[in-house]
Amino acid sequence: MELVFSAEGRNWPLRLTGDAGRTRRALLRALPLPLQLHTPKIAGSHIYWHAPFIEDIEGATHVLDAPSGAFIYWPVRQFLEITFAPLQAETAQVTVLGHLDAPVDGIATLAAALKRGQGRRIFAGSLARVDGGAVEPAPPSPLPGDLLAARAALWAACPADIARLTQSRAIMHPVGPVFAAEGEARVLHEALWWVRCERERTAEPLRRYAARLALSKAATRLRDFCHLDTTATLLFRLEAAMSEDALPFDVLLDEAILVAGRTGAWIDLLIPWNDLNESFRAALD
C-alpha cells in the first residue's frame, strides 16, 4: 500500500510493508492527516510529527537498526518519523511501518530547512493514501463527549494560551515560561506512558492514582508558573476523570497520553532549537 507525504510544495511516496497490522490500521484510520513537522534534538537524521493514535510496539526494531528512508512509529515518544541517514546514539524500540519509495535527498533537504526554521514558522504537511480507500472505523469511544471534543480541538489547532507563550518580554521571558511548559508537558507524557507500561504488573487503583498525581502536578505548574489556564483546565478535567471508576481506565489513560503529547508538541514548535543550540555552543566556547 502506498501513501503520499507532502510538505513545502513537494510530495514523497511512502510504501507500507511488514506485519505491523495494529499500527497500520490505526494509521490508516487517521488519514488523511494534516501534520506539523518537528526537528530532532537527539537522534539527528530524521523528521517527525506526532501520531494521533497509540499502539504498542510491533516488531521491536532497535531505532539504530532502522535503515535510511525507514518510515517508523515510535510508541513511547508517539512519533511518526522518516529517517534519511543513520541516527545518532539512542536506545529505543520502534515499529517499522514501511519505507520511503524515493531517494532520501529530498527529505534531507527538507530536514535542513526545518532545522534552521523551526520556531520561526510552522512547517506544515500532510499524509494521505494514494488510492483514497476506506478502512474499518474505530469503535465508538466510551469516554465523555466533552473530553473527546477537547482533545479534537487540541489536535486541530494550537491553543491560544500556548500561542501567547512567546509574547512576553518580562525578565527572562519568554524563554523561562516556554522551557518550563515544554518540560512539564514532555515529562507528563513520559510519566503517563510509564503508567501505561505497568498495566500487567500494577493494580489499576494504583495506576489511576499515579496518573491523577502526574496530571495534577503538571496542570498546577502549567497554570501557576506558565499561565496556561486553558491547557491546565483540560488536564485537571482528565485528573478528575481518573477518579470515575465507571470510565475504562486503559482507554482514559490513552486519551490523557494523546492530550499530553499534543500539548508538548505545540509548545515544542515555538522553540527555535537550532538557534538556541548554536548560541549555547558559542557561550561554551
C-alpha atoms as a PDB file:
ATOM      1  CA  MET A   1       0.000   0.000   0.000  1.00  0.00           C
ATOM      2  CA  GLU A   2       1.294   3.453  -0.893  1.00  0.00           C
ATOM      3  CA  LEU A   3       0.911   6.732   0.982  1.00  0.00           C
ATOM      4  CA  VAL A   4       1.945  10.207  -0.069  1.00  0.00           C
ATOM      5  CA  PHE A   5       3.757  12.517   2.341  1.00  0.00           C
ATOM      6  CA  SER A   6       3.563  16.178   1.352  1.00  0.00           C
ATOM      7  CA  ALA A   7       5.397  19.224   2.709  1.00  0.00           C
ATOM      8  CA  GLU A   8       6.787  22.508   1.424  1.00  0.00           C
ATOM      9  CA  GLY A   9       5.253  22.047  -2.014  1.00  0.00           C
ATOM     10  CA  ARG A  10       6.739  18.584  -2.603  1.00  0.00           C
ATOM     11  CA  ASN A  11       5.384  15.037  -2.457  1.00  0.00           C
ATOM     12  CA  TRP A  12       7.139  11.820  -1.436  1.00  0.00           C
ATOM     13  CA  PRO A  13       5.773   8.263  -1.765  1.00  0.00           C
ATOM     14  CA  LEU A  14       5.821   6.027   1.315  1.00  0.00           C
ATOM     15  CA  ARG A  15       5.266   2.293   0.891  1.00  0.00           C
ATOM     16  CA  LEU A  16       3.748   0.370   3.809  1.00  0.00           C
ATOM     17  CA  THR A  17       5.358  -3.025   4.336  1.00  0.00           C
ATOM     18  CA  GLY A  18       5.776  -5.604   7.087  1.00  0.00           C
ATOM     19  CA  ASP A  19       3.409  -7.157   9.600  1.00  0.00           C
ATOM     20  CA  ALA A  20       2.554  -4.253  11.948  1.00  0.00           C
ATOM     21  CA  GLY A  21      -1.165  -4.769  11.429  1.00  0.00           C
ATOM     22  CA  ARG A  22      -2.495  -2.944  14.514  1.00  0.00           C
ATOM     23  CA  THR A  23      -0.354   0.123  13.956  1.00  0.00           C
ATOM     24  CA  ARG A  24      -1.108   0.170  10.231  1.00  0.00           C
ATOM     25  CA  ARG A  25      -4.863   0.075  10.889  1.00  0.00           C
ATOM     26  CA  ALA A  26      -4.576   2.901  13.416  1.00  0.00           C
ATOM     27  CA  LEU A  27      -2.542   4.947  10.945  1.00  0.00           C
ATOM     28  CA  LEU A  28      -4.969   4.381   8.076  1.00  0.00           C
ATOM     29  CA  ARG A  29      -7.913   5.390  10.267  1.00  0.00           C
ATOM     30  CA  ALA A  30      -6.160   8.725  10.925  1.00  0.00           C
ATOM     31  CA  LEU A  31      -5.749   9.528   7.222  1.00  0.00           C
ATOM     32  CA  PRO A  32      -5.824  11.992   5.594  1.00  0.00           C
ATOM     33  CA  LEU A  33      -3.676  13.550   8.306  1.00  0.00           C
ATOM     34  CA  PRO A  34      -2.617  17.207   8.450  1.00  0.00           C
ATOM     35  CA  LEU A  35       0.657  17.472  10.340  1.00  0.00           C
ATOM     36  CA  GLN A  36       3.330  19.817  11.644  1.00  0.00           C
ATOM     37  CA  LEU A  37       6.968  18.788  11.300  1.00  0.00           C
ATOM     38  CA  HIS A  38       9.459  18.847  14.165  1.00  0.00           C
ATOM     39  CA  THR A  39      13.238  18.939  14.063  1.00  0.00           C
ATOM     40  CA  PRO A  40      15.003  16.262  16.158  1.00  0.00           C
ATOM     41  CA  LYS A  41      17.050  17.169  19.217  1.00  0.00           C
ATOM     42  CA  ILE A  42      18.869  13.892  19.957  1.00  0.00           C
ATOM     43  CA  ALA A  43      18.720  11.236  17.222  1.00  0.00           C
ATOM     44  CA  GLY A  44      19.598  13.640  14.422  1.00  0.00           C
ATOM     45  CA  SER A  45      18.858  12.388  10.915  1.00  0.00           C
ATOM     46  CA  HIS A  46      15.083  12.218  10.728  1.00  0.00           C
ATOM     47  CA  ILE A  47      11.976  14.338  10.564  1.00  0.00           C
ATOM     48  CA  TYR A  48       8.935  13.574  12.675  1.00  0.00           C
ATOM     49  CA  TRP A  49       5.415  14.528  13.584  1.00  0.00           C
ATOM     50  CA  HIS A  50       3.086  13.419  16.379  1.00  0.00           C
ATOM     51  CA  ALA A  51       0.797  10.456  15.809  1.00  0.00           C
ATOM     52  CA  PRO A  52      -2.890  10.924  16.719  1.00  0.00           C
ATOM     53  CA  PHE A  53      -3.118   7.334  17.960  1.00  0.00           C
ATOM     54  CA  ILE A  54      -1.449   4.994  20.458  1.00  0.00           C
ATOM     55  CA  GLU A  55      -0.387   1.426  19.771  1.00  0.00           C
ATOM     56  CA  ASP A  56       2.009  -0.959  21.454  1.00  0.00           C
ATOM     57  CA  ILE A  57       5.268  -1.887  19.774  1.00  0.00           C
ATOM     58  CA  GLU A  58       5.142  -4.338  16.863  1.00  0.00           C
ATOM     59  CA  GLY A  59       8.267  -5.983  15.536  1.00  0.00           C
ATOM     60  CA  ALA A  60      10.546  -4.277  18.097  1.00  0.00           C
ATOM     61  CA  THR A  61      13.267  -2.946  15.808  1.00  0.00           C
ATOM     62  CA  HIS A  62      16.079  -1.070  17.551  1.00  0.00           C
ATOM     63  CA  VAL A  63      15.936   2.512  16.337  1.00  0.00           C
ATOM     64  CA  LEU A  64      19.605   2.456  15.332  1.00  0.00           C
ATOM     65  CA  ASP A  65      18.920  -0.545  13.085  1.00  0.00           C
ATOM     66  CA  ALA A  66      16.272   1.310  11.067  1.00  0.00           C
ATOM     67  CA  PRO A  67      17.758   1.937   7.594  1.00  0.00           C
ATOM     68  CA  SER A  68      17.836   5.312   5.862  1.00  0.00           C
ATOM     69  CA  GLY A  69      14.436   6.010   4.396  1.00  0.00           C
ATOM     70  CA  ALA A  70      12.592   3.982   7.045  1.00  0.00           C
ATOM     71  CA  PHE A  71       9.065   5.066   7.963  1.00  0.00           C
ATOM     72  CA  ILE A  72       8.681   4.280  11.645  1.00  0.00           C
ATOM     73  CA  TYR A  73       6.314   4.635  14.577  1.00  0.00           C
ATOM     74  CA  TRP A  74       7.951   5.282  17.941  1.00  0.00           C
ATOM     75  CA  PRO A  75       5.305   4.363  20.519  1.00  0.00           C
ATOM     76  CA  VAL A  76       6.817   5.800  23.704  1.00  0.00           C
ATOM     77  CA  ARG A  77       7.509   9.142  22.020  1.00  0.00           C
ATOM     78  CA  GLN A  78       4.290   8.910  19.953  1.00  0.00           C
ATOM     79  CA  PHE A  79       6.169   9.939  16.805  1.00  0.00           C
ATOM     80  CA  LEU A  80       5.825   9.051  13.149  1.00  0.00           C
ATOM     81  CA  GLU A  81       9.217   9.514  11.502  1.00  0.00           C
ATOM     82  CA  ILE A  82      11.097   9.323   8.230  1.00  0.00           C
ATOM     83  CA  THR A  83      14.835   8.746   8.532  1.00  0.00           C
ATOM     84  CA  PHE A  84      17.342   9.914   5.920  1.00  0.00           C
ATOM     85  CA  ALA A  85      20.703   8.789   7.381  1.00  0.00           C
ATOM     86  CA  PRO A  86      21.994   6.676  10.290  1.00  0.00           C
ATOM     87  CA  LEU A  87      20.694   8.015  13.593  1.00  0.00           C
ATOM     88  CA  GLN A  88      22.847   9.191  16.467  1.00  0.00           C
ATOM     89  CA  ALA A  89      23.247   7.067  19.583  1.00  0.00           C
ATOM     90  CA  GLU A  90      19.887   6.462  21.227  1.00  0.00           C
ATOM     91  CA  THR A  91      18.338   3.375  22.780  1.00  0.00           C
ATOM     92  CA  ALA A  92      14.726   2.652  21.865  1.00  0.00           C
ATOM     93  CA  GLN A  93      12.494   0.088  20.172  1.00  0.00           C
ATOM     94  CA  VAL A  94      10.331   1.198  17.255  1.00  0.00           C
ATOM     95  CA  THR A  95       7.779  -0.222  14.838  1.00  0.00           C
ATOM     96  CA  VAL A  96       8.872  -0.120  11.199  1.00  0.00           C
ATOM     97  CA  LEU A  97       5.816   0.639   9.059  1.00  0.00           C
ATOM     98  CA  GLY A  98       7.488   0.860   5.671  1.00  0.00           C
ATOM     99  CA  HIS A  99       9.954   2.925   3.725  1.00  0.00           C
ATOM    100  CA  LEU A 100      10.371   5.996   1.585  1.00  0.00           C
ATOM    101  CA  ASP A 101       9.895   4.909  -2.024  1.00  0.00           C
ATOM    102  CA  ALA A 102      12.188   7.636  -3.366  1.00  0.00           C
ATOM    103  CA  PRO A 103      15.737   8.928  -2.834  1.00  0.00           C
ATOM    104  CA  VAL A 104      16.318  10.323   0.667  1.00  0.00           C
ATOM    105  CA  ASP A 105      17.966  13.510  -0.639  1.00  0.00           C
ATOM    106  CA  GLY A 106      14.716  15.456  -0.723  1.00  0.00           C
ATOM    107  CA  ILE A 107      13.899  14.532   2.864  1.00  0.00           C
ATOM    108  CA  ALA A 108      17.431  15.542   3.911  1.00  0.00           C
ATOM    109  CA  THR A 109      16.971  18.929   2.230  1.00  0.00           C
ATOM    110  CA  LEU A 110      13.600  19.367   3.956  1.00  0.00           C
ATOM    111  CA  ALA A 111      15.189  18.412   7.290  1.00  0.00           C
ATOM    112  CA  ALA A 112      17.927  21.026   6.852  1.00  0.00           C
ATOM    113  CA  ALA A 113      15.349  23.761   6.237  1.00  0.00           C
ATOM    114  CA  LEU A 114      13.286  22.516   9.175  1.00  0.00           C
ATOM    115  CA  LYS A 115      16.330  22.579  11.450  1.00  0.00           C
ATOM    116  CA  ARG A 116      17.006  26.220  10.548  1.00  0.00           C
ATOM    117  CA  GLY A 117      13.373  27.306  10.569  1.00  0.00           C
ATOM    118  CA  GLN A 118      11.582  25.635  13.469  1.00  0.00           C
ATOM    119  CA  GLY A 119      10.443  28.241  15.957  1.00  0.00           C
ATOM    120  CA  ARG A 120      10.332  30.865  13.215  1.00  0.00           C
ATOM    121  CA  ARG A 121       7.446  29.286  11.309  1.00  0.00           C
ATOM    122  CA  ILE A 122       5.377  26.119  11.124  1.00  0.00           C
ATOM    123  CA  PHE A 123       6.401  23.518   8.563  1.00  0.00           C
ATOM    124  CA  ALA A 124       3.011  22.044   7.708  1.00  0.00           C
ATOM    125  CA  GLY A 125       2.416  18.894   5.713  1.00  0.00           C
ATOM    126  CA  SER A 126       0.032  16.032   5.180  1.00  0.00           C
ATOM    127  CA  LEU A 127      -0.094  12.266   4.897  1.00  0.00           C
ATOM    128  CA  ALA A 128      -2.712  10.529   2.760  1.00  0.00           C
ATOM    129  CA  ARG A 129      -3.485   7.307   0.940  1.00  0.00           C
ATOM    130  CA  VAL A 130      -2.738   7.298  -2.758  1.00  0.00           C
ATOM    131  CA  ASP A 131      -5.814   5.191  -3.524  1.00  0.00           C
ATOM    132  CA  GLY A 132      -8.073   7.149  -1.196  1.00  0.00           C
ATOM    133  CA  GLY A 133      -9.535   3.865   0.070  1.00  0.00           C
ATOM    134  CA  ALA A 134     -11.560   3.393   3.233  1.00  0.00           C
ATOM    135  CA  VAL A 135     -10.654   1.453   6.358  1.00  0.00           C
ATOM    136  CA  GLU A 136     -12.808  -0.031   9.075  1.00  0.00           C
ATOM    137  CA  PRO A 137     -13.588   2.754  11.552  1.00  0.00           C
ATOM    138  CA  ALA A 138     -12.572   2.522  15.185  1.00  0.00           C
ATOM    139  CA  PRO A 139     -15.346   1.564  17.630  1.00  0.00           C
ATOM    140  CA  PRO A 140     -17.065   4.462  19.410  1.00  0.00           C
ATOM    141  CA  SER A 141     -15.229   5.747  22.448  1.00  0.00           C
ATOM    142  CA  PRO A 142     -16.862   5.161  25.847  1.00  0.00           C
ATOM    143  CA  LEU A 143     -15.382   8.412  27.199  1.00  0.00           C
ATOM    144  CA  PRO A 144     -17.410  11.572  27.935  1.00  0.00           C
ATOM    145  CA  GLY A 145     -18.119  13.773  24.944  1.00  0.00           C
ATOM    146  CA  ASP A 146     -16.532  16.858  26.483  1.00  0.00           C
ATOM    147  CA  LEU A 147     -13.165  15.075  26.775  1.00  0.00           C
ATOM    148  CA  LEU A 148     -13.307  13.832  23.199  1.00  0.00           C
ATOM    149  CA  ALA A 149     -14.277  17.273  21.913  1.00  0.00           C
ATOM    150  CA  ALA A 150     -11.478  18.954  23.873  1.00  0.00           C
ATOM    151  CA  ARG A 151      -8.891  16.531  22.519  1.00  0.00           C
ATOM    152  CA  ALA A 152     -10.186  17.011  18.958  1.00  0.00           C
ATOM    153  CA  ALA A 153      -9.883  20.784  19.332  1.00  0.00           C
ATOM    154  CA  LEU A 154      -6.363  20.440  20.730  1.00  0.00           C
ATOM    155  CA  TRP A 155      -5.301  18.365  17.724  1.00  0.00           C
ATOM    156  CA  ALA A 156      -6.943  20.718  15.238  1.00  0.00           C
ATOM    157  CA  ALA A 157      -5.166  23.935  16.262  1.00  0.00           C
ATOM    158  CA  CYS A 158      -2.661  25.352  18.712  1.00  0.00           C
ATOM    159  CA  PRO A 159      -4.472  26.615  21.831  1.00  0.00           C
ATOM    160  CA  ALA A 160      -4.415  30.383  22.237  1.00  0.00           C
ATOM    161  CA  ASP A 161      -2.749  30.227  25.657  1.00  0.00           C
ATOM    162  CA  ILE A 162       0.162  28.229  24.221  1.00  0.00           C
ATOM    163  CA  ALA A 163       0.440  30.544  21.202  1.00  0.00           C
ATOM    164  CA  ARG A 164       0.790  33.503  23.587  1.00  0.00           C
ATOM    165  CA  LEU A 165       3.751  31.970  25.433  1.00  0.00           C
ATOM    166  CA  THR A 166       6.341  33.718  23.267  1.00  0.00           C
ATOM    167  CA  GLN A 167       4.803  37.201  23.520  1.00  0.00           C
ATOM    168  CA  SER A 168       6.005  38.276  26.967  1.00  0.00           C
ATOM    169  CA  ARG A 169       9.200  40.316  27.299  1.00  0.00           C
ATOM    170  CA  ALA A 170       9.318  40.377  31.111  1.00  0.00           C
ATOM    171  CA  ILE A 171      12.533  39.358  32.889  1.00  0.00           C
ATOM    172  CA  MET A 172      13.792  36.048  31.400  1.00  0.00           C
ATOM    173  CA  HIS A 173      10.669  35.824  29.270  1.00  0.00           C
ATOM    174  CA  PRO A 174       9.738  34.153  27.030  1.00  0.00           C
ATOM    175  CA  VAL A 175      12.438  31.508  27.444  1.00  0.00           C
ATOM    176  CA  GLY A 176      11.650  30.752  31.107  1.00  0.00           C
ATOM    177  CA  PRO A 177       7.923  30.034  30.720  1.00  0.00           C
ATOM    178  CA  VAL A 178       8.374  28.313  27.349  1.00  0.00           C
ATOM    179  CA  PHE A 179      11.012  25.878  28.589  1.00  0.00           C
ATOM    180  CA  ALA A 180       9.161  25.290  31.858  1.00  0.00           C
ATOM    181  CA  ALA A 181       5.992  24.489  29.919  1.00  0.00           C
ATOM    182  CA  GLU A 182       7.789  22.265  27.415  1.00  0.00           C
ATOM    183  CA  GLY A 183       9.449  20.313  30.210  1.00  0.00           C
ATOM    184  CA  GLU A 184       6.228  19.866  32.172  1.00  0.00           C
ATOM    185  CA  ALA A 185       4.288  18.625  29.138  1.00  0.00           C
ATOM    186  CA  ARG A 186       7.061  16.280  27.998  1.00  0.00           C
ATOM    187  CA  VAL A 187       7.579  14.754  31.454  1.00  0.00           C
ATOM    188  CA  LEU A 188       3.805  14.335  31.869  1.00  0.00           C
ATOM    189  CA  HIS A 189       3.660  12.462  28.561  1.00  0.00           C
ATOM    190  CA  GLU A 190       6.529  10.209  29.639  1.00  0.00           C
ATOM    191  CA  ALA A 191       5.063   9.614  33.111  1.00  0.00           C
ATOM    192  CA  LEU A 192       1.697   8.580  31.677  1.00  0.00           C
ATOM    193  CA  TRP A 193       3.452   6.187  29.292  1.00  0.00           C
ATOM    194  CA  TRP A 194       5.259   4.683  32.292  1.00  0.00           C
ATOM    195  CA  VAL A 195       1.884   4.139  33.963  1.00  0.00           C
ATOM    196  CA  ARG A 196       0.616   2.511  30.765  1.00  0.00           C
ATOM    197  CA  CYS A 197       3.584   0.139  30.695  1.00  0.00           C
ATOM    198  CA  GLU A 198       2.679  -1.053  34.211  1.00  0.00           C
ATOM    199  CA  ARG A 199      -0.712  -2.464  33.227  1.00  0.00           C
ATOM    200  CA  GLU A 200       0.435  -6.083  33.519  1.00  0.00           C
ATOM    201  CA  ARG A 201       2.310  -5.573  36.813  1.00  0.00           C
ATOM    202  CA  THR A 202       0.463  -2.981  38.882  1.00  0.00           C
ATOM    203  CA  ALA A 203      -3.137  -2.937  40.120  1.00  0.00           C
ATOM    204  CA  GLU A 204      -5.473  -0.496  38.428  1.00  0.00           C
ATOM    205  CA  PRO A 205      -6.232   1.605  41.552  1.00  0.00           C
ATOM    206  CA  LEU A 206      -2.511   2.328  41.946  1.00  0.00           C
ATOM    207  CA  ARG A 207      -2.171   3.221  38.280  1.00  0.00           C
ATOM    208  CA  ARG A 208      -5.200   5.508  38.492  1.00  0.00           C
ATOM    209  CA  TYR A 209      -3.615   7.243  41.482  1.00  0.00           C
ATOM    210  CA  ALA A 210      -0.287   7.652  39.680  1.00  0.00           C
ATOM    211  CA  ALA A 211      -1.990   9.112  36.616  1.00  0.00           C
ATOM    212  CA  ARG A 212      -4.030  11.513  38.747  1.00  0.00           C
ATOM    213  CA  LEU A 213      -0.913  12.679  40.560  1.00  0.00           C
ATOM    214  CA  ALA A 214       1.030  13.262  37.323  1.00  0.00           C
ATOM    215  CA  LEU A 215      -1.853  15.170  35.750  1.00  0.00           C
ATOM    216  CA  SER A 216      -2.425  17.286  38.841  1.00  0.00           C
ATOM    217  CA  LYS A 217       1.230  18.228  39.174  1.00  0.00           C
ATOM    218  CA  ALA A 218       1.617  19.180  35.502  1.00  0.00           C
ATOM    219  CA  ALA A 219      -1.665  21.088  35.387  1.00  0.00           C
ATOM    220  CA  THR A 220      -0.773  23.061  38.511  1.00  0.00           C
ATOM    221  CA  ARG A 221       2.662  24.017  37.189  1.00  0.00           C
ATOM    222  CA  LEU A 222       1.329  24.970  33.746  1.00  0.00           C
ATOM    223  CA  ARG A 223      -1.368  27.113  35.341  1.00  0.00           C
ATOM    224  CA  ASP A 224       0.651  28.740  38.130  1.00  0.00           C
ATOM    225  CA  PHE A 225       4.088  29.082  36.509  1.00  0.00           C
ATOM    226  CA  CYS A 226       3.263  29.447  32.824  1.00  0.00           C
ATOM    227  CA  HIS A 227      -0.272  30.910  32.900  1.00  0.00           C
ATOM    228  CA  LEU A 228      -1.605  28.220  30.563  1.00  0.00           C
ATOM    229  CA  ASP A 229      -5.079  28.313  32.045  1.00  0.00           C
ATOM    230  CA  THR A 230      -6.962  26.629  29.185  1.00  0.00           C
ATOM    231  CA  THR A 231      -4.388  23.863  28.878  1.00  0.00           C
ATOM    232  CA  ALA A 232      -4.409  23.287  32.639  1.00  0.00           C
ATOM    233  CA  THR A 233      -8.215  23.098  32.693  1.00  0.00           C
ATOM    234  CA  LEU A 234      -8.170  20.137  30.312  1.00  0.00           C
ATOM    235  CA  LEU A 235      -5.521  18.347  32.375  1.00  0.00           C
ATOM    236  CA  PHE A 236      -7.497  18.917  35.574  1.00  0.00           C
ATOM    237  CA  ARG A 237     -10.573  17.511  33.805  1.00  0.00           C
ATOM    238  CA  LEU A 238      -8.588  14.395  32.930  1.00  0.00           C
ATOM    239  CA  GLU A 239      -7.386  14.169  36.528  1.00  0.00           C
ATOM    240  CA  ALA A 240     -10.978  14.230  37.745  1.00  0.00           C
ATOM    241  CA  ALA A 241     -11.978  11.598  35.206  1.00  0.00           C
ATOM    242  CA  MET A 242      -9.331   9.248  36.608  1.00  0.00           C
ATOM    243  CA  SER A 243     -11.443   9.069  39.789  1.00  0.00           C
ATOM    244  CA  GLU A 244     -14.542   7.928  37.875  1.00  0.00           C
ATOM    245  CA  ASP A 245     -14.372   4.146  38.213  1.00  0.00           C
ATOM    246  CA  ALA A 246     -17.100   3.720  35.612  1.00  0.00           C
ATOM    247  CA  LEU A 247     -14.748   5.013  32.905  1.00  0.00           C
ATOM    248  CA  PRO A 248     -12.453   2.302  31.477  1.00  0.00           C
ATOM    249  CA  PHE A 249      -9.025   3.217  32.757  1.00  0.00           C
ATOM    250  CA  ASP A 250      -6.897   1.991  29.866  1.00  0.00           C
ATOM    251  CA  VAL A 251      -8.964   3.963  27.339  1.00  0.00           C
ATOM    252  CA  LEU A 252      -8.905   7.030  29.575  1.00  0.00           C
ATOM    253  CA  LEU A 253      -5.149   6.765  30.055  1.00  0.00           C
ATOM    254  CA  ASP A 254      -4.577   6.639  26.300  1.00  0.00           C
ATOM    255  CA  GLU A 255      -6.735   9.754  25.985  1.00  0.00           C
ATOM    256  CA  ALA A 256      -4.572  11.533  28.575  1.00  0.00           C
ATOM    257  CA  ILE A 257      -1.409  10.456  26.731  1.00  0.00           C
ATOM    258  CA  LEU A 258      -2.783  11.856  23.467  1.00  0.00           C
ATOM    259  CA  VAL A 259      -3.556  15.171  25.169  1.00  0.00           C
ATOM    260  CA  ALA A 260      -0.162  15.397  26.887  1.00  0.00           C
ATOM    261  CA  GLY A 261       1.697  14.525  23.694  1.00  0.00           C
ATOM    262  CA  ARG A 262      -0.153  17.072  21.590  1.00  0.00           C
ATOM    263  CA  THR A 263       0.282  19.758  24.245  1.00  0.00           C
ATOM    264  CA  GLY A 264       4.028  19.174  24.298  1.00  0.00           C
ATOM    265  CA  ALA A 265       4.142  19.161  20.507  1.00  0.00           C
ATOM    266  CA  TRP A 266       2.549  22.596  20.202  1.00  0.00           C
ATOM    267  CA  ILE A 267       4.995  24.030  22.742  1.00  0.00           C
ATOM    268  CA  ASP A 268       7.948  22.372  21.009  1.00  0.00           C
ATOM    269  CA  LEU A 269       7.020  24.104  17.755  1.00  0.00           C
ATOM    270  CA  LEU A 270       7.504  27.506  19.413  1.00  0.00           C
ATOM    271  CA  ILE A 271      11.188  26.847  20.111  1.00  0.00           C
ATOM    272  CA  PRO A 272      13.983  27.783  17.640  1.00  0.00           C
ATOM    273  CA  TRP A 273      16.068  24.801  18.687  1.00  0.00           C
ATOM    274  CA  ASN A 274      18.908  25.275  16.228  1.00  0.00           C
ATOM    275  CA  ASP A 275      19.424  28.936  17.139  1.00  0.00           C
ATOM    276  CA  LEU A 276      19.469  28.023  20.819  1.00  0.00           C
ATOM    277  CA  ASN A 277      21.915  25.182  20.248  1.00  0.00           C
ATOM    278  CA  GLU A 278      24.266  27.402  18.270  1.00  0.00           C
ATOM    279  CA  SER A 279      24.084  30.103  20.961  1.00  0.00           C
ATOM    280  CA  PHE A 280      24.767  27.515  23.671  1.00  0.00           C
ATOM    281  CA  ARG A 281      27.784  26.219  21.785  1.00  0.00           C
ATOM    282  CA  ALA A 282      29.074  29.767  21.315  1.00  0.00           C
ATOM    283  CA  ALA A 283      28.668  30.529  25.011  1.00  0.00           C
ATOM    284  CA  LEU A 284      30.550  27.349  25.956  1.00  0.00           C
ATOM    285  CA  ASP A 285      33.375  28.206  23.550  1.00  0.00           C
END
